[in-house]
Amino acid sequence: MTPDPSKVTLQCPACQQHLNVPADRRKLQVTCPKCRTSWLWSPEATVSERFEVRPSAKRNSIIVGIGCALFTLASIAIIISGENILAGVVGVAFFGLIGFWAVPKMWRRDVSMVLTRQGIEQKYAQGSTLIPWPDVEKIGIYRVARTKMVGIRLRSYDRYLGDMSPSVAEFASKGLSIMKLLARGASMVHVQGGVGLWMAAQGRSLKSFGKVGTLAESMMWSRDSFGFDLGLAWSDLDRSPETFVALLEHYRKEWEV
C-alpha cells in the first residue's frame, strides 16, 4: 500500500501502538486510542513535547496495601508471642502508618510526573516540582533492599529546592521524618522471620540516616549511599526501571541545553 503523504506515523510512548496524524500540523495534542495516553507532538521533535507518566495507581495501591496489612499482622503476631515486643511495636507503627497515610495518596496519583522541554515535573497532590534537564548530571539504577530504583544525580540542588512550593516542601519534610523514624526503629530491633529480615535490610541501608536534618542533607546522604540524589520508586513508573531510564535519557538528549 502506498503511504499517505498527508499523514505521519507515530508510536505511543506508553504502549508502542502505531497511529497516524496529519503531517501538516506544527503542533498536535495526540491521544492513543489503545491506552488513552496523551502527549503534545511536533514534527521537529524526536520525542513528544509533553508526556504524562501514568503508573497503575490503583493496582500499586492495592499491592502496597496488602503488603502493609500482612506485615502489620506479622508484627502483631510478634507482640503476642512475646518474642520481641519492641520489634512488633515498630512494625505495627511503621506499616500501619504507610497503610493509612501513603496508600490513599498513591491511589489518587494518576500522573506521577510529566516529561517536558523544561525537565521532569514531579506531580503530587500537594503540587509539583521541576527537575530541569540542564541540572541532570546522571541517570541510572540502584537498589534498596533488592528493590530497583531509578536514580537521578544533579549538578546543583539550587533550582530544584529553590523552586519547590511550600506545600510540596512540607510534604517532603514529613516523608523525611518518617524515614528517620524508620531508620531509628529498624536499627533497634532484632527478630527472625520475614519482618526481621526486612527491618534488618532497611536498618543497614538507613543506619546513618538518623542524622539527616534537611532535604538538601537527605539528597547528599542519598548520593553518598547510592550515587544518586533523587530516587524514583517502582510505584512512580509506568514501565520497567531499565526502559524508564532509556526514556529519560532520550528526553535529556533532546532537550538538554
Protein backbone atom coordinates (compact mmCIF):
# COMPACT_ATOMS: atom_id res chain seq x y z
CA MET A 1 0.00 0.00 0.00
CA THR A 2 1.34 3.45 -0.92
CA PRO A 3 1.95 5.65 2.17
CA ASP A 4 -0.35 8.64 2.54
CA PRO A 5 1.91 11.77 2.26
CA SER A 6 -0.61 13.79 4.27
CA LYS A 7 -0.11 11.54 7.31
CA VAL A 8 2.82 10.72 9.60
CA THR A 9 3.02 7.57 11.72
CA LEU A 10 3.72 7.98 15.44
CA GLN A 11 4.35 5.42 18.15
CA CYS A 12 2.71 5.77 21.53
CA PRO A 13 5.50 6.18 24.14
CA ALA A 14 3.49 4.16 26.68
CA CYS A 15 2.14 1.11 24.80
CA GLN A 16 4.00 1.39 21.43
CA GLN A 17 0.73 1.46 19.48
CA HIS A 18 1.16 2.98 15.98
CA LEU A 19 -1.22 5.74 14.87
CA ASN A 20 -1.41 8.22 12.00
CA VAL A 21 -1.65 12.00 12.46
CA PRO A 22 -1.79 14.90 9.96
CA ALA A 23 1.69 15.75 8.66
CA ASP A 24 0.93 19.45 8.08
CA ARG A 25 0.31 20.37 11.73
CA ARG A 26 3.04 22.26 13.61
CA LYS A 27 1.84 21.01 16.98
CA LEU A 28 -0.80 18.46 17.85
CA GLN A 29 -2.30 17.02 21.03
CA VAL A 30 -2.27 13.27 20.41
CA THR A 31 -4.25 10.67 22.36
CA CYS A 32 -3.54 6.97 21.94
CA PRO A 33 -6.82 5.10 21.23
CA LYS A 34 -5.49 1.96 22.95
CA CYS A 35 -4.17 3.17 26.33
CA ARG A 36 -5.58 6.76 26.32
CA THR A 37 -2.12 8.28 26.91
CA SER A 38 -1.95 11.91 25.74
CA TRP A 39 1.08 13.90 24.64
CA LEU A 40 1.98 17.00 22.66
CA TRP A 41 3.70 16.26 19.32
CA SER A 42 5.53 18.47 16.86
CA PRO A 43 7.32 17.37 13.65
CA GLU A 44 10.61 19.00 14.73
CA ALA A 45 10.96 16.89 17.88
CA THR A 46 12.03 13.26 18.10
CA VAL A 47 10.07 12.93 21.36
CA SER A 48 6.71 14.34 22.41
CA GLU A 49 6.88 17.82 23.96
CA ARG A 50 4.74 16.78 26.92
CA PHE A 51 4.43 13.19 28.10
CA GLU A 52 2.47 12.20 31.21
CA VAL A 53 3.79 9.22 33.14
CA ARG A 54 0.75 7.29 34.37
CA PRO A 55 1.63 4.37 36.65
CA SER A 56 -1.03 1.81 37.56
CA ALA A 57 -2.03 3.80 40.64
CA LYS A 58 -4.95 1.63 41.69
CA ARG A 59 -3.05 -1.65 41.23
CA ASN A 60 0.04 -0.30 43.01
CA SER A 61 -2.09 0.95 45.93
CA ILE A 62 -3.68 -2.48 46.32
CA ILE A 63 -0.27 -4.22 46.24
CA VAL A 64 1.19 -1.85 48.86
CA GLY A 65 -1.98 -2.05 50.97
CA ILE A 66 -1.93 -5.86 51.02
CA GLY A 67 1.78 -5.86 51.83
CA CYS A 68 1.30 -3.41 54.71
CA ALA A 69 -1.60 -5.46 56.06
CA LEU A 70 0.44 -8.69 56.00
CA PHE A 71 3.46 -7.07 57.68
CA THR A 72 1.21 -5.44 60.27
CA LEU A 73 -0.41 -8.80 61.10
CA ALA A 74 3.03 -10.39 61.32
CA SER A 75 4.16 -7.62 63.67
CA ILE A 76 1.07 -8.13 65.86
CA ALA A 77 1.89 -11.85 65.99
CA ILE A 78 5.39 -10.99 67.20
CA ILE A 79 3.92 -8.85 70.01
CA ILE A 80 1.51 -11.63 71.04
CA SER A 81 4.28 -14.23 71.03
CA GLY A 82 6.47 -12.05 73.25
CA GLU A 83 9.47 -12.85 71.02
CA ASN A 84 10.44 -9.21 70.58
CA ILE A 85 7.78 -6.73 71.64
CA LEU A 86 9.82 -3.71 70.52
CA ALA A 87 10.17 -5.12 67.00
CA GLY A 88 6.43 -5.77 66.86
CA VAL A 89 5.55 -2.26 68.02
CA VAL A 90 7.92 -0.69 65.46
CA GLY A 91 6.45 -2.90 62.72
CA VAL A 92 2.85 -2.07 63.59
CA ALA A 93 3.61 1.66 63.80
CA PHE A 94 5.51 1.80 60.52
CA PHE A 95 3.36 -0.43 58.33
CA GLY A 96 0.18 0.98 59.83
CA LEU A 97 1.41 4.50 59.02
CA ILE A 98 2.22 3.52 55.44
CA GLY A 99 -1.18 1.91 55.04
CA PHE A 100 -3.20 4.86 56.36
CA TRP A 101 -1.02 7.73 55.12
CA ALA A 102 0.75 6.72 51.92
CA VAL A 103 -1.68 4.30 50.23
CA PRO A 104 -4.59 6.80 49.87
CA LYS A 105 -2.21 9.35 48.32
CA MET A 106 -0.89 6.73 45.92
CA TRP A 107 -4.46 5.79 44.93
CA ARG A 108 -5.22 9.37 43.83
CA ARG A 109 -1.92 9.94 42.00
CA ASP A 110 -2.89 9.10 38.41
CA VAL A 111 0.05 11.11 36.99
CA SER A 112 3.37 10.72 38.83
CA MET A 113 5.42 13.02 36.59
CA VAL A 114 5.39 14.88 33.29
CA LEU A 115 8.32 14.98 30.86
CA THR A 116 8.56 18.35 29.09
CA ARG A 117 11.07 20.60 27.31
CA GLN A 118 11.95 22.13 30.67
CA GLY A 119 12.58 18.92 32.63
CA ILE A 120 10.93 16.28 34.81
CA GLU A 121 7.88 17.73 36.54
CA GLN A 122 7.10 15.59 39.59
CA LYS A 123 3.38 15.64 40.45
CA TYR A 124 1.90 15.31 43.93
CA ALA A 125 -1.49 16.04 45.46
CA GLN A 126 0.22 18.96 47.22
CA GLY A 127 1.62 20.44 43.97
CA SER A 128 4.56 19.84 41.66
CA THR A 129 8.30 20.42 41.50
CA LEU A 130 10.65 20.56 38.49
CA ILE A 131 13.96 18.81 37.84
CA PRO A 132 15.45 20.89 34.95
CA TRP A 133 17.22 18.88 32.24
CA PRO A 134 20.38 21.07 32.35
CA ASP A 135 20.74 20.21 36.06
CA VAL A 136 20.64 16.43 35.46
CA GLU A 137 24.17 15.03 35.56
CA LYS A 138 23.45 11.29 35.52
CA ILE A 139 20.52 8.85 35.30
CA GLY A 140 20.79 5.21 36.33
CA ILE A 141 19.53 2.36 38.51
CA TYR A 142 20.38 1.47 42.09
CA ARG A 143 18.97 -0.98 44.63
CA VAL A 144 17.48 -0.53 48.09
CA ALA A 145 16.85 -3.87 49.85
CA ARG A 146 16.66 -5.68 46.46
CA THR A 147 14.22 -3.13 45.05
CA LYS A 148 15.32 -1.33 41.89
CA MET A 149 15.12 2.47 41.94
CA VAL A 150 15.65 4.92 39.08
CA GLY A 151 18.28 7.37 40.32
CA ILE A 152 18.90 10.96 39.25
CA ARG A 153 22.14 12.78 40.11
CA LEU A 154 22.05 16.59 39.92
CA ARG A 155 24.76 19.09 39.07
CA SER A 156 23.20 21.55 41.51
CA TYR A 157 20.42 21.46 44.10
CA ASP A 158 19.67 25.19 43.86
CA ARG A 159 16.89 25.28 41.28
CA TYR A 160 15.27 22.03 42.39
CA LEU A 161 14.98 23.10 46.03
CA GLY A 162 14.56 26.83 45.34
CA ASP A 163 11.58 26.40 43.03
CA MET A 164 9.81 23.86 45.27
CA SER A 165 6.45 25.19 46.51
CA PRO A 166 5.93 25.44 50.30
CA SER A 167 3.23 22.74 50.22
CA VAL A 168 5.48 20.25 48.39
CA ALA A 169 8.41 21.13 50.67
CA GLU A 170 6.23 20.44 53.71
CA PHE A 171 5.10 17.11 52.22
CA ALA A 172 8.72 16.10 51.52
CA SER A 173 9.74 17.09 55.05
CA LYS A 174 7.03 14.83 56.51
CA GLY A 175 8.33 11.97 54.38
CA LEU A 176 11.84 12.71 55.63
CA SER A 177 10.64 12.50 59.23
CA ILE A 178 9.03 9.11 58.57
CA MET A 179 12.23 7.78 57.02
CA LYS A 180 14.25 8.95 60.03
CA LEU A 181 11.79 7.21 62.35
CA LEU A 182 12.13 4.03 60.30
CA ALA A 183 15.93 4.25 60.43
CA ARG A 184 15.97 4.56 64.19
CA GLY A 185 13.36 1.87 64.76
CA ALA A 186 14.89 -0.66 62.35
CA SER A 187 18.32 -0.27 63.94
CA MET A 188 16.89 -1.12 67.38
CA VAL A 189 15.15 -4.40 66.62
CA HIS A 190 16.40 -7.95 66.10
CA VAL A 191 13.87 -10.61 65.18
CA GLN A 192 13.74 -13.71 62.98
CA GLY A 193 11.46 -14.26 60.00
CA GLY A 194 10.31 -12.11 57.09
CA VAL A 195 9.62 -8.99 59.14
CA GLY A 196 13.01 -9.28 60.82
CA LEU A 197 14.83 -9.70 57.50
CA TRP A 198 13.02 -6.67 56.05
CA MET A 199 13.83 -4.50 59.06
CA ALA A 200 17.45 -5.63 59.07
CA ALA A 201 17.82 -4.71 55.39
CA GLN A 202 16.29 -1.29 56.00
CA GLY A 203 18.46 -0.80 59.08
CA ARG A 204 21.63 -1.43 57.09
CA SER A 205 20.50 0.89 54.31
CA LEU A 206 19.36 3.68 56.65
CA LYS A 207 21.81 3.27 59.53
CA SER A 208 23.26 6.79 59.19
CA PHE A 209 20.03 8.46 58.05
CA GLY A 210 19.01 9.49 61.56
CA LYS A 211 21.47 12.40 61.45
CA VAL A 212 19.86 13.93 58.37
CA GLY A 213 18.01 17.16 59.15
CA THR A 214 17.06 18.87 55.86
CA LEU A 215 16.01 17.93 52.33
CA ALA A 216 19.41 19.01 51.00
CA GLU A 217 21.14 16.81 53.58
CA SER A 218 18.92 13.88 52.64
CA MET A 219 19.95 14.30 48.99
CA MET A 220 23.63 14.40 49.97
CA TRP A 221 23.13 11.29 52.11
CA SER A 222 21.49 9.53 49.15
CA ARG A 223 24.43 10.48 46.91
CA ASP A 224 26.95 9.14 49.43
CA SER A 225 24.96 5.92 49.94
CA PHE A 226 23.76 5.12 46.40
CA GLY A 227 25.43 7.55 43.99
CA PHE A 228 22.23 9.47 43.20
CA ASP A 229 20.46 12.46 44.79
CA LEU A 230 16.87 11.54 43.92
CA GLY A 231 15.13 8.19 43.54
CA LEU A 232 12.02 7.16 41.60
CA ALA A 233 10.33 4.08 43.06
CA TRP A 234 8.54 1.34 41.13
CA SER A 235 5.21 2.93 42.04
CA ASP A 236 6.26 6.12 40.17
CA LEU A 237 6.94 4.32 36.89
CA ASP A 238 4.75 3.14 34.03
CA ARG A 239 7.33 0.63 32.73
CA SER A 240 10.41 -1.29 33.89
CA PRO A 241 13.23 0.72 35.51
CA GLU A 242 15.61 -0.09 32.64
CA THR A 243 13.12 1.07 30.00
CA PHE A 244 12.28 4.18 32.01
CA VAL A 245 15.96 5.13 32.25
CA ALA A 246 16.18 4.86 28.45
CA LEU A 247 13.10 7.10 28.11
CA LEU A 248 14.60 9.75 30.42
CA GLU A 249 17.92 9.64 28.58
CA HIS A 250 16.10 10.14 25.28
CA TYR A 251 14.36 13.23 26.62
CA ARG A 252 17.51 14.57 28.24
CA LYS A 253 19.47 14.36 24.99
CA GLU A 254 16.60 16.01 23.09
CA TRP A 255 16.00 18.99 25.40
CA GLU A 256 19.21 19.48 27.37
CA VAL A 257 20.82 22.85 26.54
